[in-house]
């Protein structure tokens, strides 16, 4: 019976320690993973797409201005 009380007290004590609100250190930065090269490729592709979209918008604006008879921007 003493073992049961002791083990119950130990479990309760460990739960209380686990759930206590103590100051935890700041989380470490994420570690490098095998997916980092792939995410870097995706970031580069998004940047390239953004520059293509900006160029297309400039071209569209120039064409619209030319159709209206405005001077080139």
Protein backbone atom coordinates (compact mmCIF):
# COMPACT_ATOMS: atom_id res chain seq x y z
CA UNK A 1 0.00 0.00 0.00
CA UNK A 2 2.90 2.34 0.72
CA UNK A 3 4.29 1.78 -2.78
CA UNK A 4 0.94 2.80 -4.24
CA UNK A 5 0.83 6.03 -2.21
CA UNK A 6 4.44 6.80 -3.02
CA UNK A 7 4.01 6.19 -6.75
CA UNK A 8 0.77 8.22 -6.80
CA UNK A 9 2.50 11.10 -5.01
CA UNK A 10 5.42 10.91 -7.44
CA UNK A 11 3.09 11.02 -10.45
CA UNK A 12 1.12 13.97 -9.04
CA UNK A 13 4.35 15.79 -8.22
CA UNK A 14 5.71 15.25 -11.75
CA UNK A 15 2.45 16.52 -13.29
CA UNK A 16 2.61 19.62 -11.14
CA UNK A 17 6.19 20.29 -12.17
CA UNK A 18 5.39 19.67 -15.82
CA UNK A 19 2.47 22.08 -15.81
CA UNK A 20 4.10 24.85 -13.81
CA UNK A 21 4.49 28.21 -15.47
CA UNK A 22 8.18 28.91 -15.28
CA UNK A 23 10.17 31.18 -17.53
CA UNK A 24 11.17 29.12 -20.49
CA UNK A 25 14.11 30.19 -22.64
CA UNK A 26 13.46 31.59 -26.08
CA UNK A 27 12.99 28.89 -28.68
CA UNK A 28 16.00 28.08 -30.76
CA UNK A 29 15.92 29.03 -34.43
CA UNK A 30 14.65 26.26 -36.66
CA UNK A 31 17.25 23.75 -37.71
CA UNK A 32 18.18 23.15 -41.30
CA UNK A 33 16.12 20.44 -42.90
CA UNK A 34 16.32 18.47 -46.11
CA UNK A 35 13.60 20.74 -47.51
CA UNK A 36 15.63 23.97 -47.21
CA UNK A 37 17.03 23.81 -50.77
CA UNK A 38 13.52 23.24 -52.08
CA UNK A 39 12.05 26.17 -50.18
CA UNK A 40 14.92 28.36 -51.37
CA UNK A 41 14.13 27.34 -54.94
CA UNK A 42 10.48 28.24 -54.38
CA UNK A 43 11.46 31.64 -52.99
CA UNK A 44 13.65 32.31 -56.02
CA UNK A 45 10.84 31.25 -58.35
CA UNK A 46 8.40 33.58 -56.58
CA UNK A 47 10.87 36.46 -56.92
CA UNK A 48 11.34 35.71 -60.62
CA UNK A 49 7.58 35.55 -61.15
CA UNK A 50 7.16 38.87 -59.37
CA UNK A 51 9.70 40.55 -61.67
CA UNK A 52 7.98 39.03 -64.72
CA UNK A 53 4.61 40.30 -63.48
CA UNK A 54 6.03 43.80 -62.95
CA UNK A 55 7.48 43.81 -66.46
CA UNK A 56 4.16 42.66 -67.90
CA UNK A 57 2.34 45.42 -66.01
CA UNK A 58 4.75 48.04 -67.40
CA UNK A 59 4.30 46.65 -70.90
CA UNK A 60 0.51 46.67 -70.52
CA UNK A 61 0.59 50.26 -69.30
CA UNK A 62 2.76 51.28 -72.26
CA UNK A 63 0.43 49.56 -74.73
CA UNK A 64 -2.65 51.15 -73.15
CA UNK A 65 -1.01 54.58 -73.26
CA UNK A 66 -0.10 54.08 -76.90
CA UNK A 67 -3.66 53.02 -77.77
CA UNK A 68 -5.04 56.15 -76.12
CA UNK A 69 -2.57 58.28 -78.01
CA UNK A 70 -0.68 59.35 -74.91
CA UNK A 71 3.04 59.74 -74.93
CA UNK A 72 5.08 56.78 -73.73
CA UNK A 73 5.46 56.67 -69.95
